[in-house]
Protein backbone atom coordinates (compact mmCIF):
# COMPACT_ATOMS: atom_id res chain seq x y z
CA MET A 1 57.88 172.60 78.68
CA ARG A 2 55.77 176.09 77.31
CA LEU A 3 59.05 177.96 78.41
CA LEU A 4 61.20 175.93 76.56
CA LEU A 5 59.17 175.49 73.57
CA ALA A 6 59.08 179.42 73.75
CA LYS A 7 62.58 179.82 74.12
CA ILE A 8 63.21 177.39 71.12
CA VAL A 9 60.86 179.47 68.95
CA GLN A 10 62.50 182.91 69.75
CA GLN A 11 65.84 181.58 69.47
CA ASP A 12 65.68 179.96 66.18
CA LEU A 13 63.19 181.47 64.19
CA ASP A 14 63.59 185.13 65.64
CA ALA A 15 60.02 185.09 66.66
CA GLU A 16 57.55 187.12 69.06
CA VAL A 17 56.07 184.52 71.51
CA THR A 18 52.35 185.00 73.34
CA LEU A 19 52.13 182.12 76.10
CA ALA A 20 49.09 181.03 77.68
CA GLY A 21 48.94 178.85 80.71
CA THR A 22 45.24 178.07 80.58
CA CYS A 23 42.67 177.14 77.44
CA GLU A 24 40.95 180.32 78.27
CA ALA A 25 43.73 182.26 77.89
CA ALA A 26 44.90 180.37 74.87
CA LEU A 27 41.15 181.27 73.36
CA ARG A 28 41.37 184.78 74.33
CA PHE A 29 44.82 185.51 72.84
CA ALA A 30 43.46 183.44 69.52
CA ARG A 31 40.24 185.70 69.35
CA ALA A 32 41.96 188.86 69.99
CA ASN A 33 45.11 188.38 67.65
CA THR A 34 46.28 187.14 64.34
CA TYR A 35 49.02 184.79 64.98
CA ASP A 36 51.78 183.09 62.15
CA ALA A 37 51.14 179.87 63.60
CA ILE A 38 49.95 178.31 67.03
CA VAL A 39 51.82 175.68 69.32
CA LEU A 40 49.23 173.81 71.32
CA ASP A 41 49.26 170.94 73.72
CA LEU A 42 46.23 168.79 73.99
CA VAL A 43 46.54 168.37 77.50
CA MET A 44 46.19 171.83 79.10
CA PRO A 45 43.99 172.90 82.23
CA GLY A 46 40.47 173.87 81.48
CA MET A 47 38.81 172.59 78.85
CA GLY A 48 41.63 170.66 77.03
CA GLY A 49 43.51 171.18 73.88
CA THR A 50 41.12 169.59 71.62
CA GLU A 51 38.12 172.00 72.33
CA VAL A 52 40.62 174.91 72.22
CA LEU A 53 41.65 173.98 68.64
CA LYS A 54 37.75 173.76 67.67
CA GLN A 55 36.96 176.64 69.11
CA ILE A 56 39.97 178.57 67.16
CA ARG A 57 39.21 176.70 64.08
CA ASP A 58 35.33 178.11 64.57
CA ASP A 59 35.46 181.54 65.33
CA SER A 60 38.72 183.26 66.07
CA ALA A 61 41.16 186.04 64.62
CA SER A 62 43.82 183.46 64.32
CA GLN A 63 41.18 180.69 62.70
CA SER A 64 43.53 180.09 59.74
CA ALA A 65 46.57 179.82 61.35
CA PRO A 66 48.87 176.82 61.23
CA VAL A 67 48.22 174.82 64.31
CA ILE A 68 51.15 172.58 65.17
CA ILE A 69 50.01 170.10 68.20
CA VAL A 70 52.75 169.09 70.72
CA SER A 71 51.79 166.27 73.07
CA VAL A 72 52.57 163.15 74.83
CA LEU A 73 48.82 162.24 73.36
CA SER A 74 50.07 163.26 70.02
CA LYS A 75 50.20 158.68 69.12
CA ALA A 76 46.38 158.32 70.36
CA PRO A 77 44.38 157.50 67.06
CA GLU A 78 41.99 160.74 67.88
CA THR A 79 45.03 163.04 66.93
CA LYS A 80 44.37 161.66 63.27
CA THR A 81 41.22 163.76 63.24
CA LEU A 82 42.43 166.97 64.69
CA ASP A 83 42.22 170.07 62.36
CA ALA A 84 46.13 170.69 62.58
CA GLU A 85 48.80 170.87 60.13
CA ALA A 86 51.13 168.95 62.33
CA VAL A 87 51.50 166.63 65.22
CA LEU A 88 54.77 166.13 67.15
CA SER A 89 55.16 163.59 69.98
CA LYS A 90 57.13 165.18 73.38
CA PRO A 91 59.47 165.01 74.31
CA VAL A 92 59.84 167.51 70.92
CA ASP A 93 62.86 167.44 68.99
CA ARG A 94 64.05 170.97 68.52
CA ASP A 95 64.69 170.46 64.92
CA SER A 96 61.41 168.95 64.11
CA LEU A 97 59.39 171.62 66.07
CA VAL A 98 61.60 174.69 64.01
CA ALA A 99 61.01 172.43 60.77
CA ALA A 100 57.24 171.82 61.03
CA LEU A 101 56.90 175.71 61.93
CA LYS A 102 59.03 177.02 59.28
CA ALA A 103 56.98 174.43 56.73
CA GLN A 104 53.75 175.43 57.88
CA ILE A 105 53.95 179.30 57.93
CA GLY A 106 55.72 179.51 54.77
CA ALA A 107 52.96 177.31 53.19
CA ALA A 108 50.17 179.68 55.00
CA ARG A 109 52.21 182.66 53.54
CA GLN A 110 52.00 181.26 50.05
CA ARG A 111 48.22 180.64 50.21
CA ASN A 112 47.66 184.13 51.36
CA ALA A 113 49.57 185.51 48.76
CA SER A 114 48.05 183.63 45.72
CA PRO A 115 45.18 185.23 44.10
CA ALA A 116 41.76 183.66 45.13
């Protein structure tokens, strides 16, 4: 699934993509790099996507990056309390993913460009 999502992002947004196969790898990347957006599954090997998101928001170079949750669990009530900009259900609709990423990256760029 992550390979398919990466291909969609690369093709439709002409974006560079970093793939993480585990929660630990995702955190390592987020702590070391600043990303325009993060697409995160809640069900991942290791500590799980919810904990990854919490740690990204608490302490990482990408803590202010918009996060798009993509998961079979996206209909669960606890997803409403996640600190994510969007939640998409699997199977992910290509147009929905691209639209969510464009909207969230655009909004983040506007926030960063606005005087404080």
